[in-house]
Amino acid sequence: MAWWLLGSLPSLPTTAEEVTARQGAIQIALALAAGIGAAITLMLAFRRQRHQEHAAHVTAYLAERNAQLTEQIAERNARLAEQVAEHNRQDATERRVTELYTKAVEQLGHTTAAVRLGGLYALERLAQDNPAHRQTIVNVICAYLRMPYSPPALPKPIDLTRERAEALRAAHRRHHASRNAARGRKPAAALTAFTEDVTPSKEAEEERQVRLTAQRILTEHLRNDQTAERLMATLAGSRFWEGMRIDLTGATLIDLDFTGCWLTDARFDGATFKGDTRFDGAIFTGHAQFIEAVFKGDAEFNGATFEGYVWFGGVVFRGNAMFAEASFKNEAGFVEAAFEGNAVFSRANFGFDAWFDGVAFDNGAQFGGVVFKEGGRFNGAIFRGDARFKEVIFASHANFNKALFERDAHFDKAAFEGGAWFREVAFEGDERFDSARIIKPDPEHSWEHIWPVGWEIVRQQDGSALLQRAGTEPTPPILIGKEDGQADSHA
């Protein structure tokens, strides 16, 4: 700049003015250089400050990122440590449970009854404290009850007349033996009297107590004392084991009391029930099978609820069979069952088909007030006692083909809403259908109704009909009022 300023000056004489001009040019050049230097210095200072700010920002970001990563690593390590600790606790618990379970199962196979009882109580405590193992322990207890077993015979009552007769015969034998000895005769060979040993052995009685304890453990923890309504709002008792399945196929059960118990799937195929058996108020939420089981005492199922299908095919009821007010919400089968005592199904409710084909009722059969919402099938059934079907409702089909009634059969006030078949039915006693009503007696549907010989229908004003013996005076028509009509429609 100084060169340019000096070079642009005109040729001047070397005078004071020239010197002054040249000095001014030099000052301007120096001022310009100083300005440029200041600008460069300012620019460098700005760049330095900006670099420092950027470095500080990057350093802060890296520090924050490192802190976050450190925190995440610490949290992950903490979670891993908790998982490892939890797994260790679970492993320790499982090892302890396995050891207790193995020890208890070994005790069940011991020859001493007291040790077997200890094994049962150990299993019960283990199941109570470990809900995840309850089904397995229930399976073990059921397996123990399925083991072959013959209950000891109970002592017979003393017959005083027989005891006196035995004492007299023994006295006569001693008298004859003493007379023969006095005469020098050899005593006759003593007659050995073999009597039935009715006193149970110690081992048999101890095993009986062990089995009764196993049954009590099951019933205590399968029983829920709360009603179904309260169960929806409150939790079950702490000792109630919910959702258990039991398999007692072929087991020998003694005075079994499952009153109020809740069972999922239950299998009693081929089981032998010694003494009286009670399932009053029991609830079967799954399927129930009693195929070819034998009830040697009374069997009580009053008020029981079967939500799944239930099958009593080939079952033998030696005592009374009580199913009053029982609810069968699925199919119920009693095919070829034998009721040697009274069969009571009063006010029971069958939601699906009820199969009683080929059943033998040796005593009374009570079906008063029963509702068959689907088919009620009694084909080939034998009623050797009185058969009571008073006020029964057959909402779909009633099948009694080839059934045999050896005594009285009463169908008073029964209601047949669907088809009814009484083909080749034999009544050897008194049959009564007083006020039995047919809901749809239309002629075009006459093939759906085959009534016993000697009975005919009498139409009513409401379109239904009543059964009446042929040749008798017609039954007066029934006038149905508002309330009666409502009752019939409800039926």
Protein backbone atom coordinates (compact mmCIF):
# COMPACT_ATOMS: atom_id res chain seq x y z
CA MET A 1 0.00 0.00 0.00
CA ALA A 2 2.85 2.35 0.84
CA TRP A 3 4.48 1.54 -2.51
CA TRP A 4 1.22 2.17 -4.33
CA LEU A 5 0.66 5.47 -2.51
CA LEU A 6 4.22 6.60 -3.09
CA GLY A 7 4.16 5.51 -6.69
CA SER A 8 0.98 7.43 -7.39
CA LEU A 9 2.43 10.73 -6.28
CA PRO A 10 3.34 13.05 -9.10
CA SER A 11 6.84 13.96 -9.67
CA LEU A 12 7.51 16.63 -7.25
CA PRO A 13 10.59 18.42 -6.53
CA THR A 14 12.39 17.39 -3.53
CA THR A 15 10.82 19.83 -1.33
CA ALA A 16 9.15 19.94 2.02
CA GLU A 17 5.78 19.20 0.45
CA GLU A 18 7.10 16.01 -1.13
CA VAL A 19 8.50 14.86 2.15
CA THR A 20 5.23 15.59 3.91
CA ALA A 21 3.23 13.68 1.31
CA ARG A 22 5.49 10.72 1.48
CA GLN A 23 5.25 10.67 5.27
CA GLY A 24 1.43 10.78 5.06
CA ALA A 25 1.43 7.83 2.67
CA ILE A 26 3.64 5.87 4.97
CA GLN A 27 1.38 6.65 7.98
CA ILE A 28 -1.69 5.57 6.05
CA ALA A 29 0.03 2.33 5.07
CA LEU A 30 1.07 1.65 8.63
CA ALA A 31 -2.45 2.41 9.91
CA LEU A 32 -3.88 0.08 7.32
CA ALA A 33 -1.42 -2.66 8.33
CA ALA A 34 -2.33 -2.16 11.95
CA GLY A 35 -6.05 -2.40 11.08
CA ILE A 36 -5.49 -5.57 9.11
CA GLY A 37 -3.46 -7.00 11.95
CA ALA A 38 -6.17 -6.08 14.44
CA ALA A 39 -8.81 -7.69 12.24
CA ILE A 40 -6.73 -10.83 11.91
CA THR A 41 -6.16 -10.84 15.67
CA LEU A 42 -9.89 -10.37 16.29
CA MET A 43 -10.72 -13.16 13.86
CA LEU A 44 -8.20 -15.48 15.52
CA ALA A 45 -9.59 -14.62 18.95
CA PHE A 46 -13.16 -15.36 17.72
CA ARG A 47 -12.06 -18.64 16.24
CA ARG A 48 -10.24 -19.54 19.44
CA GLN A 49 -13.32 -18.70 21.56
CA ARG A 50 -15.58 -20.62 19.25
CA HIS A 51 -13.27 -23.59 19.31
CA GLN A 52 -13.13 -23.46 23.09
CA GLU A 53 -16.94 -23.27 23.33
CA HIS A 54 -17.31 -26.17 20.91
CA ALA A 55 -14.69 -28.18 22.81
CA ALA A 56 -16.50 -27.43 26.09
CA HIS A 57 -19.84 -28.47 24.57
CA VAL A 58 -18.38 -31.69 23.20
CA THR A 59 -16.69 -32.40 26.51
CA ALA A 60 -19.94 -31.82 28.40
CA TYR A 61 -21.89 -34.02 25.95
CA LEU A 62 -19.32 -36.79 26.21
CA ALA A 63 -19.35 -36.53 30.00
CA GLU A 64 -23.15 -36.70 30.08
CA ARG A 65 -23.17 -39.62 27.65
CA ASN A 66 -20.58 -41.46 29.68
CA ALA A 67 -22.60 -40.85 32.83
CA GLN A 68 -25.74 -42.23 31.16
CA LEU A 69 -23.87 -45.25 29.89
CA THR A 70 -22.38 -45.81 33.33
CA GLU A 71 -25.84 -45.56 34.91
CA GLN A 72 -27.34 -47.96 32.35
CA ILE A 73 -24.53 -50.43 32.88
CA ALA A 74 -24.99 -50.17 36.64
CA GLU A 75 -28.78 -50.74 36.29
CA ARG A 76 -28.24 -53.69 33.97
CA ASN A 77 -25.71 -55.20 36.34
CA ALA A 78 -28.14 -54.69 39.21
CA ARG A 79 -30.90 -56.42 37.27
CA LEU A 80 -28.60 -59.25 36.35
CA ALA A 81 -27.57 -59.57 39.97
CA GLU A 82 -31.24 -59.66 41.04
CA GLN A 83 -32.04 -62.28 38.39
CA VAL A 84 -29.08 -64.38 39.42
CA ALA A 85 -30.11 -64.08 43.07
CA GLU A 86 -33.73 -64.96 42.19
CA HIS A 87 -32.60 -67.93 40.12
CA ASN A 88 -30.40 -69.04 42.97
CA ARG A 89 -33.31 -68.74 45.39
CA GLN A 90 -35.57 -70.66 43.01
CA ASP A 91 -32.93 -73.33 42.52
CA ALA A 92 -32.47 -73.62 46.25
CA THR A 93 -36.25 -73.80 46.75
CA GLU A 94 -36.63 -76.39 44.02
CA ARG A 95 -33.81 -78.46 45.48
CA ARG A 96 -35.37 -78.27 48.91
CA VAL A 97 -38.82 -79.13 47.54
CA THR A 98 -37.37 -82.01 45.52
CA GLU A 99 -35.56 -83.36 48.55
CA LEU A 100 -38.68 -83.11 50.74
CA TYR A 101 -40.85 -84.60 47.99
CA THR A 102 -38.46 -87.51 47.41
CA LYS A 103 -38.19 -88.19 51.12
CA ALA A 104 -41.97 -88.09 51.59
CA VAL A 105 -42.55 -90.46 48.66
CA GLU A 106 -39.98 -92.85 50.09
CA GLN A 107 -41.83 -92.75 53.40
CA LEU A 108 -45.05 -93.79 51.63
CA GLY A 109 -43.36 -97.04 50.66
CA HIS A 110 -42.20 -97.83 54.19
CA THR A 111 -43.40 -100.97 55.94
CA THR A 112 -44.33 -99.08 59.12
CA ALA A 113 -47.70 -97.35 59.11
CA ALA A 114 -46.46 -94.45 61.26
CA VAL A 115 -43.79 -93.63 58.69
CA ARG A 116 -46.35 -93.73 55.88
CA LEU A 117 -48.56 -91.33 57.83
CA GLY A 118 -45.58 -89.00 58.25
CA GLY A 119 -45.02 -89.11 54.50
CA LEU A 120 -48.64 -88.12 53.83
CA TYR A 121 -48.50 -85.18 56.23
CA ALA A 122 -45.17 -84.08 54.74
CA LEU A 123 -46.72 -84.08 51.27
CA GLU A 124 -49.70 -82.11 52.54
CA ARG A 125 -47.47 -79.45 54.11
CA LEU A 126 -45.35 -79.31 50.95
CA ALA A 127 -48.42 -78.78 48.76
CA GLN A 128 -49.83 -76.14 51.09
CA ASP A 129 -46.62 -74.09 50.92
CA ASN A 130 -45.97 -74.63 47.20
CA PRO A 131 -49.13 -74.18 45.09
CA ALA A 132 -47.26 -75.02 41.88
CA HIS A 133 -46.69 -78.58 43.15
CA ARG A 134 -50.23 -79.26 44.43
CA GLN A 135 -51.45 -81.17 41.39
CA THR A 136 -48.37 -83.41 41.46
CA ILE A 137 -48.85 -84.18 45.15
CA VAL A 138 -52.56 -84.86 44.62
CA ASN A 139 -51.55 -87.29 41.87
CA VAL A 140 -49.19 -89.05 44.30
CA ILE A 141 -51.90 -89.39 46.96
CA CYS A 142 -54.35 -90.71 44.37
CA ALA A 143 -51.72 -93.17 43.15
CA TYR A 144 -51.30 -94.44 46.71
CA LEU A 145 -55.06 -94.96 47.03
CA ARG A 146 -55.07 -96.84 43.71
CA MET A 147 -52.67 -99.44 45.10
CA PRO A 148 -54.30 -102.88 45.62
CA TYR A 149 -55.94 -103.13 49.02
CA SER A 150 -58.45 -105.38 50.77
CA PRO A 151 -60.11 -103.74 53.77
CA PRO A 152 -60.15 -105.84 56.96
CA ALA A 153 -63.39 -107.48 57.93
CA LEU A 154 -65.16 -105.73 60.75
CA PRO A 155 -66.14 -107.72 63.87
CA LYS A 156 -69.59 -109.24 63.58
CA PRO A 157 -72.20 -108.52 66.27
CA ILE A 158 -72.38 -111.18 68.98
CA ASP A 159 -75.34 -113.55 68.67
CA LEU A 160 -76.18 -114.57 72.23
CA THR A 161 -78.35 -117.50 71.13
CA ARG A 162 -75.56 -118.88 68.97
CA GLU A 163 -73.02 -118.36 71.75
CA ARG A 164 -75.17 -120.36 74.21
CA ALA A 165 -75.65 -123.18 71.69
CA GLU A 166 -71.89 -123.34 71.06
CA ALA A 167 -71.24 -123.45 74.80
CA LEU A 168 -73.72 -126.35 75.26
CA ARG A 169 -72.14 -128.32 72.42
CA ALA A 170 -68.69 -127.79 73.91
CA ALA A 171 -69.93 -129.01 77.32
CA HIS A 172 -71.42 -132.13 75.73
CA ARG A 173 -68.13 -132.84 73.94
CA ARG A 174 -66.18 -132.55 77.19
CA HIS A 175 -68.69 -134.83 78.99
CA HIS A 176 -68.44 -137.57 76.34
CA ALA A 177 -64.64 -137.30 76.30
CA SER A 178 -64.44 -137.83 80.07
CA ARG A 179 -66.79 -140.87 79.94
CA ASN A 180 -64.75 -142.46 77.14
CA ALA A 181 -61.54 -141.90 79.10
CA ALA A 182 -63.08 -143.60 82.20
CA ARG A 183 -64.03 -146.65 80.10
CA GLY A 184 -60.57 -146.90 78.60
CA ARG A 185 -61.63 -145.88 75.15
CA LYS A 186 -59.53 -143.73 72.99
CA PRO A 187 -60.96 -140.31 72.66
CA ALA A 188 -62.55 -139.60 69.35
CA ALA A 189 -60.77 -137.30 67.04
CA ALA A 190 -61.55 -133.79 68.07
CA LEU A 191 -63.66 -131.89 65.67
CA THR A 192 -61.89 -128.73 64.69
CA ALA A 193 -64.27 -125.85 64.30
CA PHE A 194 -63.12 -123.44 61.71
CA THR A 195 -64.65 -120.08 62.34
CA GLU A 196 -64.24 -116.94 60.36
CA ASP A 197 -61.60 -114.67 61.78
CA VAL A 198 -63.37 -111.37 61.88
CA THR A 199 -60.76 -109.63 64.00
CA PRO A 200 -58.68 -107.45 61.71
CA SER A 201 -54.95 -107.90 61.83
CA LYS A 202 -52.78 -105.10 63.14
CA GLU A 203 -51.19 -104.43 59.74
CA ALA A 204 -54.54 -104.35 57.94
CA GLU A 205 -56.04 -101.95 60.48
CA GLU A 206 -52.97 -99.70 60.31
CA GLU A 207 -53.16 -99.58 56.52
CA ARG A 208 -56.84 -98.73 56.81
CA GLN A 209 -55.97 -95.74 59.00
CA VAL A 210 -53.32 -94.59 56.53
CA ARG A 211 -55.82 -94.71 53.67
CA LEU A 212 -58.44 -92.85 55.69
CA THR A 213 -55.83 -90.17 56.35
CA ALA A 214 -55.05 -89.90 52.62
CA GLN A 215 -58.77 -89.50 51.89
CA ARG A 216 -59.13 -86.83 54.59
CA ILE A 217 -56.23 -84.84 53.14
CA LEU A 218 -57.94 -84.81 49.75
CA THR A 219 -61.37 -83.92 51.07
CA GLU A 220 -60.09 -81.22 53.41
CA HIS A 221 -58.28 -79.33 50.65
CA LEU A 222 -60.81 -79.96 47.88
CA ARG A 223 -63.74 -78.75 49.96
CA ASN A 224 -64.80 -75.13 49.57
CA ASP A 225 -67.22 -74.02 52.25
CA GLN A 226 -68.23 -70.85 50.40
CA THR A 227 -71.27 -70.73 48.17
CA ALA A 228 -70.93 -70.09 44.46
CA GLU A 229 -72.31 -66.54 44.87
CA ARG A 230 -69.84 -65.62 47.60
CA LEU A 231 -66.98 -67.22 45.68
CA MET A 232 -67.49 -64.72 42.85
CA ALA A 233 -66.87 -61.81 45.23
CA THR A 234 -64.35 -63.26 47.67
CA LEU A 235 -61.36 -65.53 47.47
CA ALA A 236 -61.55 -69.13 48.55
CA GLY A 237 -60.15 -70.28 51.86
CA SER A 238 -56.42 -70.53 52.22
CA ARG A 239 -56.59 -74.30 52.61
CA PHE A 240 -58.69 -74.79 49.49
CA TRP A 241 -56.76 -76.18 46.51
CA GLU A 242 -58.52 -74.94 43.41
CA GLY A 243 -58.60 -76.68 40.04
CA MET A 244 -57.41 -80.11 41.15
CA ARG A 245 -57.89 -83.19 38.96
CA ILE A 246 -58.18 -86.58 40.61
CA ASP A 247 -57.78 -90.07 39.20
CA LEU A 248 -58.94 -92.83 41.53
CA THR A 249 -59.46 -95.48 38.88
CA GLY A 250 -59.78 -98.91 40.50
CA ALA A 251 -59.19 -97.51 44.00
CA THR A 252 -60.76 -98.96 47.14
CA LEU A 253 -62.28 -96.07 49.09
CA ILE A 254 -63.68 -96.33 52.62
CA ASP A 255 -66.55 -94.10 53.80
CA LEU A 256 -65.53 -91.42 51.30
CA ASP A 257 -66.97 -88.00 52.11
CA PHE A 258 -66.55 -85.47 49.28
CA THR A 259 -69.38 -83.25 50.52
CA GLY A 260 -69.01 -79.73 49.14
CA CYS A 261 -65.81 -80.53 47.25
CA TRP A 262 -64.84 -78.79 44.00
CA LEU A 263 -63.32 -81.12 41.41
CA THR A 264 -62.16 -80.50 37.89
CA ASP A 265 -61.84 -83.77 36.00
CA ALA A 266 -62.62 -86.76 38.24
CA ARG A 267 -62.20 -90.43 37.34
CA PHE A 268 -63.54 -93.23 39.53
CA ASP A 269 -63.74 -95.97 36.88
CA GLY A 270 -63.84 -99.42 38.49
CA ALA A 271 -63.52 -97.97 42.00
CA THR A 272 -64.99 -99.77 45.00
CA PHE A 273 -66.72 -97.58 47.56
CA LYS A 274 -66.87 -99.33 50.93
CA GLY A 275 -69.44 -98.04 53.37
CA ASP A 276 -71.50 -94.95 52.66
CA THR A 277 -70.26 -92.46 50.06
CA ARG A 278 -71.19 -88.79 50.04
CA PHE A 279 -70.89 -86.25 47.24
CA ASP A 280 -73.67 -83.95 48.52
CA GLY A 281 -73.27 -80.44 47.12
CA ALA A 282 -70.09 -81.38 45.25
CA ILE A 283 -69.27 -79.39 42.10
CA PHE A 284 -67.64 -81.12 39.13
CA THR A 285 -66.37 -78.32 36.90
CA GLY A 286 -65.01 -80.82 34.36
CA HIS A 287 -65.91 -84.36 33.37
CA ALA A 288 -66.78 -87.08 35.87
CA GLN A 289 -66.54 -90.82 35.20
CA PHE A 290 -67.74 -93.65 37.43
CA ILE A 291 -67.77 -96.41 34.82
CA GLU A 292 -68.36 -99.87 36.39
CA ALA A 293 -67.77 -98.55 39.90
CA VAL A 294 -69.36 -100.38 42.85
CA PHE A 295 -71.05 -98.53 45.73
CA LYS A 296 -71.46 -101.09 48.51
CA GLY A 297 -73.27 -98.65 50.81
CA ASP A 298 -75.48 -95.64 50.23
CA ALA A 299 -74.35 -93.21 47.52
CA GLU A 300 -75.45 -89.62 48.13
CA PHE A 301 -75.18 -87.01 45.36
CA ASN A 302 -77.93 -84.71 46.62
CA GLY A 303 -77.54 -81.20 45.23
CA ALA A 304 -74.39 -82.08 43.29
CA THR A 305 -73.56 -80.09 40.14
CA PHE A 306 -72.04 -81.74 37.07
CA GLU A 307 -70.91 -79.05 34.62
CA GLY A 308 -69.20 -81.49 32.24
CA TYR A 309 -70.49 -84.83 31.07
CA VAL A 310 -70.93 -87.52 33.72
CA TRP A 311 -71.00 -91.24 33.08
CA PHE A 312 -72.24 -93.93 35.49
CA GLY A 313 -72.34 -96.71 32.89
CA GLY A 314 -72.41 -100.18 34.43
CA VAL A 315 -72.28 -98.87 37.99
CA VAL A 316 -73.69 -101.06 40.77
CA PHE A 317 -75.46 -99.26 43.63
CA ARG A 318 -75.84 -101.86 46.42
CA GLY A 319 -77.46 -99.32 48.75
CA ASN A 320 -79.65 -96.32 48.12
CA ALA A 321 -78.64 -93.90 45.34
CA MET A 322 -79.62 -90.32 46.17
CA PHE A 323 -79.49 -87.70 43.38
CA ALA A 324 -82.22 -85.37 44.68
CA GLU A 325 -81.95 -81.82 43.27
CA ALA A 326 -78.77 -82.70 41.40
CA SER A 327 -77.94 -80.59 38.35
CA PHE A 328 -76.61 -82.26 35.19
CA LYS A 329 -75.57 -79.45 32.82
CA ASN A 330 -74.15 -81.80 30.19
CA GLU A 331 -74.88 -85.35 29.10
CA ALA A 332 -75.54 -87.85 31.90
CA GLY A 333 -75.25 -91.57 31.30
CA PHE A 334 -76.48 -94.38 33.56
CA VAL A 335 -76.58 -97.03 30.84
CA GLU A 336 -76.89 -100.59 32.22
CA ALA A 337 -76.44 -99.42 35.78
CA ALA A 338 -77.94 -101.50 38.59
CA PHE A 339 -79.81 -99.81 41.44
CA GLU A 340 -80.27 -102.49 44.10
CA GLY A 341 -81.58 -99.97 46.64
CA ASN A 342 -83.88 -97.02 46.13
CA ALA A 343 -83.02 -94.62 43.30
CA VAL A 344 -84.01 -91.05 44.16
CA PHE A 345 -83.74 -88.36 41.48
CA SER A 346 -86.49 -86.08 42.82
CA ARG A 347 -86.33 -82.51 41.43
CA ALA A 348 -83.11 -83.19 39.56
CA ASN A 349 -82.39 -81.17 36.42
CA PHE A 350 -80.96 -82.72 33.25
CA GLY A 351 -79.75 -80.01 30.87
CA PHE A 352 -78.82 -82.45 28.06
CA ASP A 353 -79.63 -86.05 27.18
CA ALA A 354 -80.11 -88.40 30.13
CA TRP A 355 -79.37 -92.04 29.30
CA PHE A 356 -81.00 -94.72 31.47
CA ASP A 357 -81.13 -97.42 28.78
CA GLY A 358 -80.98 -100.96 30.16
CA VAL A 359 -80.94 -99.80 33.78
CA ALA A 360 -82.28 -102.18 36.44
CA PHE A 361 -84.19 -100.52 39.30
CA ASP A 362 -84.62 -103.31 41.89
CA ASN A 363 -86.46 -101.05 44.33
CA GLY A 364 -88.28 -97.76 44.11
CA ALA A 365 -87.38 -95.25 41.41
CA GLN A 366 -88.25 -91.67 42.34
CA PHE A 367 -88.21 -89.11 39.51
CA GLY A 368 -90.83 -86.71 40.85
CA GLY A 369 -90.41 -83.14 39.63
CA VAL A 370 -87.45 -83.94 37.38
CA VAL A 371 -86.85 -81.74 34.32
CA PHE A 372 -85.47 -83.39 31.18
CA LYS A 373 -84.55 -80.46 28.91
CA GLU A 374 -83.34 -82.84 26.22
CA GLY A 375 -84.02 -86.53 25.77
CA GLY A 376 -85.01 -88.70 28.71
CA ARG A 377 -84.16 -92.24 27.57
CA PHE A 378 -85.29 -95.33 29.46
CA ASN A 379 -85.28 -97.86 26.61
CA GLY A 380 -85.22 -101.41 27.95
CA ALA A 381 -85.14 -100.27 31.58
CA ILE A 382 -86.51 -102.63 34.22
CA PHE A 383 -88.48 -101.21 37.15
CA ARG A 384 -88.93 -103.95 39.76
CA GLY A 385 -90.23 -101.50 42.36
CA ASP A 386 -92.62 -98.60 42.15
CA ALA A 387 -91.71 -96.01 39.51
CA ARG A 388 -92.74 -92.44 40.30
CA PHE A 389 -92.62 -89.86 37.49
CA LYS A 390 -95.08 -87.40 39.01
CA GLU A 391 -94.88 -83.86 37.59
CA VAL A 392 -91.92 -84.76 35.41
CA ILE A 393 -91.25 -82.43 32.46
CA PHE A 394 -89.99 -83.99 29.23
CA ALA A 395 -89.08 -80.85 27.29
CA SER A 396 -87.77 -82.77 24.28
CA HIS A 397 -88.12 -86.55 23.98
CA ALA A 398 -89.29 -89.32 26.29
CA ASN A 399 -88.20 -92.83 25.30
CA PHE A 400 -89.54 -95.86 27.20
CA ASN A 401 -89.46 -98.42 24.41
CA LYS A 402 -89.51 -102.03 25.70
CA ALA A 403 -89.33 -100.88 29.31
CA LEU A 404 -90.71 -103.24 31.98
CA PHE A 405 -92.69 -101.97 34.97
CA GLU A 406 -93.22 -104.92 37.34
CA ARG A 407 -95.05 -102.77 39.90
CA ASP A 408 -96.88 -99.45 39.89
CA ALA A 409 -95.85 -96.76 37.40
CA HIS A 410 -97.23 -93.30 38.03
CA PHE A 411 -96.88 -90.43 35.54
CA ASP A 412 -99.39 -88.13 37.23
CA LYS A 413 -99.26 -84.52 35.96
CA ALA A 414 -96.30 -85.26 33.74
CA ALA A 415 -95.73 -82.89 30.81
CA PHE A 416 -94.64 -84.17 27.37
CA GLU A 417 -93.52 -81.20 25.27
CA GLY A 418 -91.76 -83.24 22.58
CA GLY A 419 -92.03 -86.75 21.23
CA ALA A 420 -92.96 -89.63 23.51
CA TRP A 421 -92.46 -93.30 22.72
CA PHE A 422 -93.90 -96.15 24.81
CA ARG A 423 -93.52 -98.87 22.18
CA GLU A 424 -93.82 -102.44 23.57
CA VAL A 425 -93.89 -101.23 27.18
CA ALA A 426 -95.05 -103.83 29.71
CA PHE A 427 -97.02 -102.69 32.77
CA GLU A 428 -97.50 -105.53 35.27
CA GLY A 429 -98.75 -103.22 38.02
CA ASP A 430 -100.94 -100.15 38.02
CA GLU A 431 -100.04 -97.52 35.44
CA ARG A 432 -101.37 -94.01 35.90
CA PHE A 433 -101.17 -90.96 33.66
CA ASP A 434 -103.68 -88.83 35.56
CA SER A 435 -103.60 -85.24 34.25
CA ALA A 436 -100.52 -86.02 32.13
CA ARG A 437 -100.39 -83.35 29.46
CA ILE A 438 -99.25 -83.44 25.84
CA ILE A 439 -98.24 -79.98 24.68
CA LYS A 440 -98.38 -80.63 20.89
CA PRO A 441 -101.02 -83.26 20.09
CA ASP A 442 -101.37 -82.24 16.41
CA PRO A 443 -102.53 -85.06 14.12
CA GLU A 444 -99.72 -84.44 11.65
CA HIS A 445 -97.28 -85.14 14.46
CA SER A 446 -99.03 -88.28 15.68
CA TRP A 447 -96.07 -90.41 14.66
CA GLU A 448 -94.07 -88.62 17.37
CA HIS A 449 -96.28 -90.04 20.11
CA ILE A 450 -96.70 -93.74 20.78
CA TRP A 451 -98.69 -94.07 24.00
CA PRO A 452 -99.20 -97.19 26.08
CA VAL A 453 -101.98 -99.50 25.00
CA GLY A 454 -105.35 -98.52 26.51
CA TRP A 455 -104.67 -94.79 26.71
CA GLU A 456 -105.98 -92.01 24.48
CA ILE A 457 -105.69 -88.24 24.34
CA VAL A 458 -108.39 -85.68 25.16
CA ARG A 459 -107.91 -82.26 23.63
CA GLN A 460 -108.11 -79.13 25.75
CA GLN A 461 -109.13 -75.60 24.85
CA ASP A 462 -105.57 -74.32 25.05
CA GLY A 463 -104.50 -76.65 22.23
CA SER A 464 -102.85 -79.24 24.48
CA ALA A 465 -104.25 -82.63 25.41
CA LEU A 466 -104.56 -84.94 28.40
CA LEU A 467 -104.04 -88.68 28.56
CA GLN A 468 -107.07 -90.74 29.55
CA ARG A 469 -107.90 -94.40 29.73
CA ALA A 470 -109.82 -95.56 26.71
CA GLY A 471 -113.52 -96.16 27.32
CA THR A 472 -113.84 -93.82 30.31
CA GLU A 473 -115.82 -90.62 30.55
CA PRO A 474 -114.06 -87.70 28.86
CA THR A 475 -112.15 -85.48 31.21
CA PRO A 476 -113.66 -81.99 31.45
CA PRO A 477 -111.64 -79.42 29.51
CA ILE A 478 -109.21 -77.45 31.60
CA LEU A 479 -109.82 -73.72 31.46
CA ILE A 480 -106.51 -71.97 31.74
CA GLY A 481 -106.49 -68.53 33.26
CA LYS A 482 -103.77 -65.96 33.11
CA GLU A 483 -101.75 -67.37 35.99
CA ASP A 484 -102.21 -70.98 34.85
CA GLY A 485 -101.15 -70.04 31.34
CA GLN A 486 -98.04 -68.46 32.72
CA ALA A 487 -97.30 -71.52 34.75
CA ASP A 488 -97.73 -73.81 31.72
CA SER A 489 -95.55 -71.61 29.55
CA HIS A 490 -92.90 -71.69 32.27
CA ALA A 491 -93.09 -75.46 32.35
